[in-house]
């Protein structure tokens, strides 16, 4: 089917009280693995693309790949710009067929965040494109996002209510204790679920959880077995994700888990079969492991079967 907007997908998720994964891609293998998983699980899916991925793969290539994948798929697929920080990149994404964009001005003062977000909302809504914004800041490192832990600020519920009223955004990313990258927690992993509930009651639009990868222990163990160095890697436990969805989270961003899965599979293939120089022989297993991780996430989020 043709690409759909993220708003269509998330409104259904909010009504049905389940979550939908936004899975980041940088190349064809990741996209194929994600779409195959969505087909097998009969789940709606959001393909997320960072500014860095646009630069790496080329926005025209990315759009063409995702457009073909969506048209061949029997499930709803949205194409989303993740962490749009620059006006020209947001315009580029919209001009090249993205059905959703995120404006991330969370590092700005409240009023400036509102003003920047409104500028993007005016442009995007005029052409039927969904807008996600962010209020509060996450610690960690992911692509072009780098926020020191000491600067991370949890989202204030009353500020969230006022922000949504002033901007008319379609979805709001909130900071409730997660962080970007593979090293999310130094202590016990715990999200502020009560904060999610309070914000969900106040804003009445889909909420987004960034930095939600689980940093799956068996994947980390496999990657480490074949030479990766990931000491202390720790992610968000499944039980915390379930509680967050029950509290009102509708979109869950997953990037690190896919990178680790692909890394583990490729390292294993290159180590066990050093005679192989055909990229299909090691990229293919990477794609398969990405698919399996995505399928598990869809079941965890409750989106499996929702596109049936």
C-alpha atoms as a PDB file:
ATOM      1  CA  UNK A   1       0.000   0.000   0.000  1.00  0.00           C
ATOM      2  CA  UNK A   2       1.140   3.627  -0.412  1.00  0.00           C
ATOM      3  CA  UNK A   3       3.042   5.293   2.418  1.00  0.00           C
ATOM      4  CA  UNK A   4       0.776   6.589   5.179  1.00  0.00           C
ATOM      5  CA  UNK A   5       1.294   9.363   7.713  1.00  0.00           C
ATOM      6  CA  UNK A   6       2.576   8.584  11.162  1.00  0.00           C
ATOM      7  CA  UNK A   7      -0.486  10.338  12.574  1.00  0.00           C
ATOM      8  CA  UNK A   8      -2.765   7.664  11.071  1.00  0.00           C
ATOM      9  CA  UNK A   9      -0.725   4.886  12.651  1.00  0.00           C
ATOM     10  CA  UNK A  10      -0.374   6.519  16.063  1.00  0.00           C
ATOM     11  CA  UNK A  11      -4.009   7.552  16.397  1.00  0.00           C
ATOM     12  CA  UNK A  12      -4.982   3.891  16.031  1.00  0.00           C
ATOM     13  CA  UNK A  13      -2.299   2.903  18.536  1.00  0.00           C
ATOM     14  CA  UNK A  14      -3.554   5.444  21.044  1.00  0.00           C
ATOM     15  CA  UNK A  15      -7.124   4.197  20.692  1.00  0.00           C
ATOM     16  CA  UNK A  16      -6.018   0.578  20.974  1.00  0.00           C
ATOM     17  CA  UNK A  17      -3.561   1.233  23.828  1.00  0.00           C
ATOM     18  CA  UNK A  18      -0.595  -0.415  22.102  1.00  0.00           C
ATOM     19  CA  UNK A  19       2.758   0.838  20.888  1.00  0.00           C
ATOM     20  CA  UNK A  20       4.239   1.023  17.397  1.00  0.00           C
ATOM     21  CA  UNK A  21       7.941   0.733  16.766  1.00  0.00           C
ATOM     22  CA  UNK A  22       9.877   3.387  14.876  1.00  0.00           C
ATOM     23  CA  UNK A  23      12.904   1.491  13.585  1.00  0.00           C
ATOM     24  CA  UNK A  24      15.924   3.365  12.238  1.00  0.00           C
ATOM     25  CA  UNK A  25      17.517   2.429   8.927  1.00  0.00           C
ATOM     26  CA  UNK A  26      20.758   3.372   7.212  1.00  0.00           C
ATOM     27  CA  UNK A  27      20.756   0.860   4.370  1.00  0.00           C
ATOM     28  CA  UNK A  28      18.666  -1.611   2.374  1.00  0.00           C
ATOM     29  CA  UNK A  29      19.252  -4.637   4.611  1.00  0.00           C
ATOM     30  CA  UNK A  30      17.823  -2.931   7.691  1.00  0.00           C
ATOM     31  CA  UNK A  31      14.769  -1.812   5.722  1.00  0.00           C
ATOM     32  CA  UNK A  32      14.169  -5.277   4.301  1.00  0.00           C
ATOM     33  CA  UNK A  33      14.470  -6.921   7.700  1.00  0.00           C
ATOM     34  CA  UNK A  34      12.030  -4.444   9.280  1.00  0.00           C
ATOM     35  CA  UNK A  35       9.437  -4.735   6.512  1.00  0.00           C
ATOM     36  CA  UNK A  36       9.635  -8.535   6.476  1.00  0.00           C
ATOM     37  CA  UNK A  37       9.082  -8.532  10.239  1.00  0.00           C
ATOM     38  CA  UNK A  38       6.076  -6.203   9.896  1.00  0.00           C
ATOM     39  CA  UNK A  39       4.550  -8.436   7.221  1.00  0.00           C
ATOM     40  CA  UNK A  40       5.037 -11.598   9.253  1.00  0.00           C
ATOM     41  CA  UNK A  41       3.702  -9.977  12.433  1.00  0.00           C
ATOM     42  CA  UNK A  42       0.926  -8.111  10.593  1.00  0.00           C
ATOM     43  CA  UNK A  43       2.028  -4.935  12.339  1.00  0.00           C
ATOM     44  CA  UNK A  44       2.001  -1.279  11.300  1.00  0.00           C
ATOM     45  CA  UNK A  45       5.517   0.125  11.237  1.00  0.00           C
ATOM     46  CA  UNK A  46       7.373   3.428  11.175  1.00  0.00           C
ATOM     47  CA  UNK A  47      10.640   3.644   9.254  1.00  0.00           C
ATOM     48  CA  UNK A  48      12.820   6.241  10.955  1.00  0.00           C
ATOM     49  CA  UNK A  49      15.669   8.049   9.216  1.00  0.00           C
ATOM     50  CA  UNK A  50      18.103  10.392  10.948  1.00  0.00           C
ATOM     51  CA  UNK A  51      19.802  13.381   9.361  1.00  0.00           C
ATOM     52  CA  UNK A  52      22.987  11.321   9.486  1.00  0.00           C
ATOM     53  CA  UNK A  53      21.327   8.465   7.589  1.00  0.00           C
ATOM     54  CA  UNK A  54      20.090  10.923   4.962  1.00  0.00           C
ATOM     55  CA  UNK A  55      23.653  12.111   4.485  1.00  0.00           C
ATOM     56  CA  UNK A  56      25.068   8.579   4.440  1.00  0.00           C
ATOM     57  CA  UNK A  57      22.609   6.929   2.047  1.00  0.00           C
ATOM     58  CA  UNK A  58      21.149   9.921   0.210  1.00  0.00           C
ATOM     59  CA  UNK A  59      17.595  11.094   0.794  1.00  0.00           C
ATOM     60  CA  UNK A  60      16.497  10.169  -2.744  1.00  0.00           C
ATOM     61  CA  UNK A  61      17.784   6.599  -2.361  1.00  0.00           C
ATOM     62  CA  UNK A  62      16.114   6.234   1.033  1.00  0.00           C
ATOM     63  CA  UNK A  63      12.756   7.514  -0.174  1.00  0.00           C
ATOM     64  CA  UNK A  64      12.849   5.295  -3.271  1.00  0.00           C
ATOM     65  CA  UNK A  65      13.631   2.198  -1.198  1.00  0.00           C
ATOM     66  CA  UNK A  66      10.968   2.867   1.422  1.00  0.00           C
ATOM     67  CA  UNK A  67       8.363   3.796  -1.201  1.00  0.00           C
ATOM     68  CA  UNK A  68       8.877   0.473  -2.988  1.00  0.00           C
ATOM     69  CA  UNK A  69       8.862  -1.444   0.302  1.00  0.00           C
ATOM     70  CA  UNK A  70       5.619   0.223   1.408  1.00  0.00           C
ATOM     71  CA  UNK A  71       3.877  -0.361  -1.929  1.00  0.00           C
ATOM     72  CA  UNK A  72       4.760  -4.046  -1.828  1.00  0.00           C
ATOM     73  CA  UNK A  73       3.730  -4.392   1.821  1.00  0.00           C
ATOM     74  CA  UNK A  74       0.242  -5.254   3.035  1.00  0.00           C
ATOM     75  CA  UNK A  75       0.705  -3.319   6.308  1.00  0.00           C
ATOM     76  CA  UNK A  76       0.755   0.464   6.968  1.00  0.00           C
ATOM     77  CA  UNK A  77       4.233   1.997   6.613  1.00  0.00           C
ATOM     78  CA  UNK A  78       5.196   5.590   7.494  1.00  0.00           C
ATOM     79  CA  UNK A  79       8.491   7.289   6.619  1.00  0.00           C
ATOM     80  CA  UNK A  80       9.700   9.542   9.431  1.00  0.00           C
ATOM     81  CA  UNK A  81      12.579  11.983   9.854  1.00  0.00           C
ATOM     82  CA  UNK A  82      14.053  11.279  13.282  1.00  0.00           C
ATOM     83  CA  UNK A  83      15.569  14.137  15.324  1.00  0.00           C
ATOM     84  CA  UNK A  84      15.320  16.837  12.696  1.00  0.00           C
ATOM     85  CA  UNK A  85      17.573  19.586  14.023  1.00  0.00           C
ATOM     86  CA  UNK A  86      18.020  21.699  10.906  1.00  0.00           C
ATOM     87  CA  UNK A  87      15.352  23.518   8.885  1.00  0.00           C
ATOM     88  CA  UNK A  88      16.954  22.661   5.527  1.00  0.00           C
ATOM     89  CA  UNK A  89      16.997  18.932   6.366  1.00  0.00           C
ATOM     90  CA  UNK A  90      13.348  19.010   7.442  1.00  0.00           C
ATOM     91  CA  UNK A  91      12.394  20.755   4.188  1.00  0.00           C
ATOM     92  CA  UNK A  92      14.499  18.244   2.252  1.00  0.00           C
ATOM     93  CA  UNK A  93      12.688  15.321   3.882  1.00  0.00           C
ATOM     94  CA  UNK A  94       9.250  16.795   3.166  1.00  0.00           C
ATOM     95  CA  UNK A  95      10.160  17.577  -0.446  1.00  0.00           C
ATOM     96  CA  UNK A  96      11.372  14.024  -0.890  1.00  0.00           C
ATOM     97  CA  UNK A  97       8.194  12.296   0.218  1.00  0.00           C
ATOM     98  CA  UNK A  98       8.621  11.732   3.955  1.00  0.00           C
ATOM     99  CA  UNK A  99       5.188  11.423   5.547  1.00  0.00           C
ATOM    100  CA  UNK A 100       6.354  12.530   8.984  1.00  0.00           C
ATOM    101  CA  UNK A 101       9.075  14.736  10.456  1.00  0.00           C
ATOM    102  CA  UNK A 102      10.403  15.360  13.922  1.00  0.00           C
ATOM    103  CA  UNK A 103      11.533  18.810  14.920  1.00  0.00           C
ATOM    104  CA  UNK A 104      13.905  18.469  17.858  1.00  0.00           C
ATOM    105  CA  UNK A 105      14.395  21.870  19.453  1.00  0.00           C
ATOM    106  CA  UNK A 106      14.455  20.369  22.942  1.00  0.00           C
ATOM    107  CA  UNK A 107      17.812  21.992  23.646  1.00  0.00           C
ATOM    108  CA  UNK A 108      16.235  25.456  23.286  1.00  0.00           C
ATOM    109  CA  UNK A 109      14.342  27.478  25.912  1.00  0.00           C
ATOM    110  CA  UNK A 110      10.607  26.702  26.032  1.00  0.00           C
ATOM    111  CA  UNK A 111       9.429  29.733  24.031  1.00  0.00           C
ATOM    112  CA  UNK A 112      12.075  29.226  21.353  1.00  0.00           C
ATOM    113  CA  UNK A 113      11.165  25.521  21.104  1.00  0.00           C
ATOM    114  CA  UNK A 114       7.526  26.564  20.592  1.00  0.00           C
ATOM    115  CA  UNK A 115       8.424  29.095  17.894  1.00  0.00           C
ATOM    116  CA  UNK A 116      10.662  26.688  15.975  1.00  0.00           C
ATOM    117  CA  UNK A 117       8.123  23.881  16.262  1.00  0.00           C
ATOM    118  CA  UNK A 118       5.305  26.118  14.998  1.00  0.00           C
ATOM    119  CA  UNK A 119       7.343  27.022  11.933  1.00  0.00           C
ATOM    120  CA  UNK A 120       7.706  23.317  11.097  1.00  0.00           C
ATOM    121  CA  UNK A 121       4.042  22.567  11.898  1.00  0.00           C
ATOM    122  CA  UNK A 122       2.883  25.325   9.537  1.00  0.00           C
ATOM    123  CA  UNK A 123       4.974  23.926   6.689  1.00  0.00           C
ATOM    124  CA  UNK A 124       4.306  20.242   7.284  1.00  0.00           C
ATOM    125  CA  UNK A 125       0.582  20.421   7.967  1.00  0.00           C
ATOM    126  CA  UNK A 126       0.097  22.457   4.791  1.00  0.00           C
ATOM    127  CA  UNK A 127       1.151  19.381   2.793  1.00  0.00           C
ATOM    128  CA  UNK A 128      -0.362  16.704   5.059  1.00  0.00           C
ATOM    129  CA  UNK A 129       2.826  15.665   6.862  1.00  0.00           C
ATOM    130  CA  UNK A 130       2.801  14.606  10.529  1.00  0.00           C
ATOM    131  CA  UNK A 131       4.952  16.507  13.046  1.00  0.00           C
ATOM    132  CA  UNK A 132       6.581  15.157  16.196  1.00  0.00           C
ATOM    133  CA  UNK A 133       8.299  17.497  18.644  1.00  0.00           C
ATOM    134  CA  UNK A 134      10.275  16.966  21.843  1.00  0.00           C
ATOM    135  CA  UNK A 135      10.105  18.543  25.276  1.00  0.00           C
ATOM    136  CA  UNK A 136      12.708  17.610  27.870  1.00  0.00           C
ATOM    137  CA  UNK A 137      16.108  16.146  27.115  1.00  0.00           C
ATOM    138  CA  UNK A 138      17.564  12.644  27.037  1.00  0.00           C
ATOM    139  CA  UNK A 139      21.098  11.776  28.073  1.00  0.00           C
ATOM    140  CA  UNK A 140      23.361   9.746  25.806  1.00  0.00           C
ATOM    141  CA  UNK A 141      24.740   9.686  22.303  1.00  0.00           C
ATOM    142  CA  UNK A 142      22.967   8.676  19.118  1.00  0.00           C
ATOM    143  CA  UNK A 143      23.956   9.914  15.673  1.00  0.00           C
ATOM    144  CA  UNK A 144      24.046  13.743  15.890  1.00  0.00           C
ATOM    145  CA  UNK A 145      22.356  13.814  19.319  1.00  0.00           C
ATOM    146  CA  UNK A 146      24.757  14.218  22.237  1.00  0.00           C
ATOM    147  CA  UNK A 147      23.464  15.310  25.620  1.00  0.00           C
ATOM    148  CA  UNK A 148      25.479  14.951  28.817  1.00  0.00           C
ATOM    149  CA  UNK A 149      23.684  13.065  31.571  1.00  0.00           C
ATOM    150  CA  UNK A 150      23.847  16.069  33.868  1.00  0.00           C
ATOM    151  CA  UNK A 151      21.959  18.142  31.264  1.00  0.00           C
ATOM    152  CA  UNK A 152      19.117  15.655  30.862  1.00  0.00           C
ATOM    153  CA  UNK A 153      15.845  17.212  31.963  1.00  0.00           C
ATOM    154  CA  UNK A 154      12.667  15.231  32.513  1.00  0.00           C
ATOM    155  CA  UNK A 155       9.551  16.580  30.819  1.00  0.00           C
ATOM    156  CA  UNK A 156       7.354  18.741  33.032  1.00  0.00           C
ATOM    157  CA  UNK A 157       3.697  17.671  32.587  1.00  0.00           C
ATOM    158  CA  UNK A 158       2.241  21.186  32.782  1.00  0.00           C
ATOM    159  CA  UNK A 159       4.834  22.429  30.295  1.00  0.00           C
ATOM    160  CA  UNK A 160       3.873  19.545  27.999  1.00  0.00           C
ATOM    161  CA  UNK A 161       0.208  20.562  28.144  1.00  0.00           C
ATOM    162  CA  UNK A 162       1.028  24.171  27.341  1.00  0.00           C
ATOM    163  CA  UNK A 163       3.473  23.160  24.582  1.00  0.00           C
ATOM    164  CA  UNK A 164       0.866  21.021  22.792  1.00  0.00           C
ATOM    165  CA  UNK A 165      -1.759  23.771  23.077  1.00  0.00           C
ATOM    166  CA  UNK A 166       0.649  26.324  21.604  1.00  0.00           C
ATOM    167  CA  UNK A 167       1.982  24.194  18.735  1.00  0.00           C
ATOM    168  CA  UNK A 168      -0.696  21.749  17.504  1.00  0.00           C
ATOM    169  CA  UNK A 169       1.919  18.994  17.096  1.00  0.00           C
ATOM    170  CA  UNK A 170       0.707  15.475  16.281  1.00  0.00           C
ATOM    171  CA  UNK A 171       2.998  13.594  18.688  1.00  0.00           C
ATOM    172  CA  UNK A 172       5.238  14.548  21.586  1.00  0.00           C
ATOM    173  CA  UNK A 173       8.513  12.916  22.596  1.00  0.00           C
ATOM    174  CA  UNK A 174       8.971  13.025  26.369  1.00  0.00           C
ATOM    175  CA  UNK A 175      11.987  12.584  28.615  1.00  0.00           C
ATOM    176  CA  UNK A 176      11.087  10.132  31.386  1.00  0.00           C
ATOM    177  CA  UNK A 177      14.375   8.422  32.157  1.00  0.00           C
ATOM    178  CA  UNK A 178      15.612   6.783  28.959  1.00  0.00           C
ATOM    179  CA  UNK A 179      18.776   7.748  27.089  1.00  0.00           C
ATOM    180  CA  UNK A 180      20.304   7.272  23.659  1.00  0.00           C
ATOM    181  CA  UNK A 181      22.927   4.681  22.775  1.00  0.00           C
ATOM    182  CA  UNK A 182      23.986   1.336  24.279  1.00  0.00           C
ATOM    183  CA  UNK A 183      24.882   2.653  27.740  1.00  0.00           C
ATOM    184  CA  UNK A 184      21.575   3.936  29.073  1.00  0.00           C
ATOM    185  CA  UNK A 185      21.886   3.373  32.805  1.00  0.00           C
ATOM    186  CA  UNK A 186      24.618   3.316  35.430  1.00  0.00           C
ATOM    187  CA  UNK A 187      22.300   1.988  38.128  1.00  0.00           C
ATOM    188  CA  UNK A 188      19.001   0.158  38.142  1.00  0.00           C
ATOM    189  CA  UNK A 189      17.021   0.830  34.933  1.00  0.00           C
ATOM    190  CA  UNK A 190      13.786   2.589  35.861  1.00  0.00           C
ATOM    191  CA  UNK A 191      11.457   4.900  33.967  1.00  0.00           C
ATOM    192  CA  UNK A 192       9.205   7.538  35.518  1.00  0.00           C
ATOM    193  CA  UNK A 193       5.931   5.794  34.646  1.00  0.00           C
ATOM    194  CA  UNK A 194       3.797   8.114  36.786  1.00  0.00           C
ATOM    195  CA  UNK A 195       5.156  11.056  34.795  1.00  0.00           C
ATOM    196  CA  UNK A 196       4.087   9.330  31.563  1.00  0.00           C
ATOM    197  CA  UNK A 197       0.561   8.807  32.938  1.00  0.00           C
ATOM    198  CA  UNK A 198       0.252  12.421  34.031  1.00  0.00           C
ATOM    199  CA  UNK A 199       1.439  13.782  30.687  1.00  0.00           C
ATOM    200  CA  UNK A 200      -0.812  11.390  28.740  1.00  0.00           C
ATOM    201  CA  UNK A 201      -3.835  12.594  30.702  1.00  0.00           C
ATOM    202  CA  UNK A 202      -2.990  16.232  30.064  1.00  0.00           C
ATOM    203  CA  UNK A 203      -2.022  16.347  26.388  1.00  0.00           C
ATOM    204  CA  UNK A 204      -4.413  13.907  24.668  1.00  0.00           C
ATOM    205  CA  UNK A 205      -2.018  13.163  21.776  1.00  0.00           C
ATOM    206  CA  UNK A 206       0.308  10.198  21.153  1.00  0.00           C
ATOM    207  CA  UNK A 207       3.452  10.194  23.284  1.00  0.00           C
ATOM    208  CA  UNK A 208       6.846   9.025  22.065  1.00  0.00           C
ATOM    209  CA  UNK A 209       9.614   7.200  23.931  1.00  0.00           C
ATOM    210  CA  UNK A 210      13.089   7.807  22.538  1.00  0.00           C
ATOM    211  CA  UNK A 211      16.160   5.848  23.602  1.00  0.00           C
ATOM    212  CA  UNK A 212      14.054   2.738  24.191  1.00  0.00           C
ATOM    213  CA  UNK A 213      16.382  -0.044  23.012  1.00  0.00           C
ATOM    214  CA  UNK A 214      16.720  -2.966  25.403  1.00  0.00           C
ATOM    215  CA  UNK A 215      20.396  -3.618  24.551  1.00  0.00           C
ATOM    216  CA  UNK A 216      19.433  -7.306  24.484  1.00  0.00           C
ATOM    217  CA  UNK A 217      21.916  -9.257  26.659  1.00  0.00           C
ATOM    218  CA  UNK A 218      22.134 -12.316  24.390  1.00  0.00           C
ATOM    219  CA  UNK A 219      22.830 -10.085  21.372  1.00  0.00           C
ATOM    220  CA  UNK A 220      25.532  -8.223  23.275  1.00  0.00           C
ATOM    221  CA  UNK A 221      26.978 -11.562  24.393  1.00  0.00           C
ATOM    222  CA  UNK A 222      27.040 -12.861  20.815  1.00  0.00           C
ATOM    223  CA  UNK A 223      28.679  -9.702  19.481  1.00  0.00           C
ATOM    224  CA  UNK A 224      31.251  -9.811  22.289  1.00  0.00           C
ATOM    225  CA  UNK A 225      31.998 -13.467  21.567  1.00  0.00           C
ATOM    226  CA  UNK A 226      33.059 -12.468  18.067  1.00  0.00           C
ATOM    227  CA  UNK A 227      35.228  -9.525  19.042  1.00  0.00           C
ATOM    228  CA  UNK A 228      32.942  -6.574  19.811  1.00  0.00           C
ATOM    229  CA  UNK A 229      33.850  -4.471  22.836  1.00  0.00           C
ATOM    230  CA  UNK A 230      30.674  -3.408  24.679  1.00  0.00           C
ATOM    231  CA  UNK A 231      31.514  -3.404  28.403  1.00  0.00           C
ATOM    232  CA  UNK A 232      28.716  -2.179  30.619  1.00  0.00           C
ATOM    233  CA  UNK A 233      26.118  -1.926  27.844  1.00  0.00           C
ATOM    234  CA  UNK A 234      22.651  -1.735  29.410  1.00  0.00           C
ATOM    235  CA  UNK A 235      19.224  -0.874  28.035  1.00  0.00           C
ATOM    236  CA  UNK A 236      15.562  -0.493  28.976  1.00  0.00           C
ATOM    237  CA  UNK A 237      14.026  -3.728  30.368  1.00  0.00           C
ATOM    238  CA  UNK A 238      10.954  -5.149  28.646  1.00  0.00           C
ATOM    239  CA  UNK A 239       8.801  -4.747  31.746  1.00  0.00           C
ATOM    240  CA  UNK A 240       9.496  -1.004  31.804  1.00  0.00           C
ATOM    241  CA  UNK A 241       8.529  -0.711  28.138  1.00  0.00           C
ATOM    242  CA  UNK A 242       5.230  -2.508  28.822  1.00  0.00           C
ATOM    243  CA  UNK A 243       4.445  -0.188  31.729  1.00  0.00           C
ATOM    244  CA  UNK A 244       5.269   2.865  29.610  1.00  0.00           C
ATOM    245  CA  UNK A 245       2.875   1.725  26.872  1.00  0.00           C
ATOM    246  CA  UNK A 246       0.137   1.050  29.422  1.00  0.00           C
ATOM    247  CA  UNK A 247       0.720   4.569  30.757  1.00  0.00           C
ATOM    248  CA  UNK A 248       0.277   6.217  27.352  1.00  0.00           C
ATOM    249  CA  UNK A 249       3.364   5.784  25.164  1.00  0.00           C
ATOM    250  CA  UNK A 250       2.310   5.068  21.557  1.00  0.00           C
ATOM    251  CA  UNK A 251       5.590   5.244  19.606  1.00  0.00           C
ATOM    252  CA  UNK A 252       8.790   3.529  20.688  1.00  0.00           C
ATOM    253  CA  UNK A 253      12.066   4.383  18.960  1.00  0.00           C
ATOM    254  CA  UNK A 254      14.502   1.528  18.356  1.00  0.00           C
ATOM    255  CA  UNK A 255      17.919   2.029  16.775  1.00  0.00           C
ATOM    256  CA  UNK A 256      20.697   0.633  18.981  1.00  0.00           C
ATOM    257  CA  UNK A 257      19.142  -2.850  19.226  1.00  0.00           C
ATOM    258  CA  UNK A 258      19.133  -3.156  15.433  1.00  0.00           C
ATOM    259  CA  UNK A 259      22.720  -1.984  15.138  1.00  0.00           C
ATOM    260  CA  UNK A 260      23.845  -4.498  17.750  1.00  0.00           C
ATOM    261  CA  UNK A 261      21.907  -7.338  16.093  1.00  0.00           C
ATOM    262  CA  UNK A 262      23.403  -6.576  12.694  1.00  0.00           C
ATOM    263  CA  UNK A 263      26.871  -6.251  14.206  1.00  0.00           C
ATOM    264  CA  UNK A 264      26.627  -9.588  16.019  1.00  0.00           C
ATOM    265  CA  UNK A 265      25.476 -11.499  12.938  1.00  0.00           C
ATOM    266  CA  UNK A 266      28.042  -9.971  10.588  1.00  0.00           C
ATOM    267  CA  UNK A 267      30.894 -10.510  13.057  1.00  0.00           C
ATOM    268  CA  UNK A 268      29.882 -14.143  13.497  1.00  0.00           C
ATOM    269  CA  UNK A 269      29.769 -14.774   9.750  1.00  0.00           C
ATOM    270  CA  UNK A 270      33.099 -13.100   9.062  1.00  0.00           C
ATOM    271  CA  UNK A 271      34.770 -14.961  11.922  1.00  0.00           C
ATOM    272  CA  UNK A 272      33.347 -18.408  11.240  1.00  0.00           C
ATOM    273  CA  UNK A 273      33.650 -18.206   7.451  1.00  0.00           C
ATOM    274  CA  UNK A 274      36.743 -16.120   6.690  1.00  0.00           C
ATOM    275  CA  UNK A 275      36.826 -17.469   3.147  1.00  0.00           C
ATOM    276  CA  UNK A 276      33.608 -15.626   2.282  1.00  0.00           C
ATOM    277  CA  UNK A 277      34.018 -12.381   0.369  1.00  0.00           C
ATOM    278  CA  UNK A 278      30.514 -12.224  -1.099  1.00  0.00           C
ATOM    279  CA  UNK A 279      28.739  -9.465   0.878  1.00  0.00           C
ATOM    280  CA  UNK A 280      25.424 -11.290   0.517  1.00  0.00           C
ATOM    281  CA  UNK A 281      26.844 -14.087   2.654  1.00  0.00           C
ATOM    282  CA  UNK A 282      27.358 -11.845   5.691  1.00  0.00           C
ATOM    283  CA  UNK A 283      24.901  -9.000   5.123  1.00  0.00           C
ATOM    284  CA  UNK A 284      22.070 -11.510   4.648  1.00  0.00           C
ATOM    285  CA  UNK A 285      22.462 -12.998   8.146  1.00  0.00           C
ATOM    286  CA  UNK A 286      22.633  -9.451   9.509  1.00  0.00           C
ATOM    287  CA  UNK A 287      19.296  -8.712   7.855  1.00  0.00           C
ATOM    288  CA  UNK A 288      17.779 -11.878   9.327  1.00  0.00           C
ATOM    289  CA  UNK A 289      18.871 -10.996  12.848  1.00  0.00           C
ATOM    290  CA  UNK A 290      17.460  -7.489  12.477  1.00  0.00           C
ATOM    291  CA  UNK A 291      14.167  -9.050  11.395  1.00  0.00           C
ATOM    292  CA  UNK A 292      14.028 -11.356  14.410  1.00  0.00           C
ATOM    293  CA  UNK A 293      14.712  -8.491  16.815  1.00  0.00           C
ATOM    294  CA  UNK A 294      12.012  -6.350  15.190  1.00  0.00           C
ATOM    295  CA  UNK A 295       9.477  -9.190  15.411  1.00  0.00           C
ATOM    296  CA  UNK A 296      10.144  -9.552  19.132  1.00  0.00           C
ATOM    297  CA  UNK A 297       9.755  -5.795  19.612  1.00  0.00           C
ATOM    298  CA  UNK A 298       6.427  -5.770  17.787  1.00  0.00           C
ATOM    299  CA  UNK A 299       5.118  -8.495  20.062  1.00  0.00           C
ATOM    300  CA  UNK A 300       6.395  -6.609  23.110  1.00  0.00           C
ATOM    301  CA  UNK A 301       4.777  -3.357  21.961  1.00  0.00           C
ATOM    302  CA  UNK A 302       1.451  -5.072  21.234  1.00  0.00           C
ATOM    303  CA  UNK A 303       1.331  -4.027  17.560  1.00  0.00           C
ATOM    304  CA  UNK A 304       1.436  -7.590  16.186  1.00  0.00           C
ATOM    305  CA  UNK A 305      -1.840  -8.437  14.466  1.00  0.00           C
ATOM    306  CA  UNK A 306      -3.053  -4.819  14.500  1.00  0.00           C
ATOM    307  CA  UNK A 307      -2.700  -4.508  10.705  1.00  0.00           C
ATOM    308  CA  UNK A 308      -4.603  -7.755  10.042  1.00  0.00           C
END
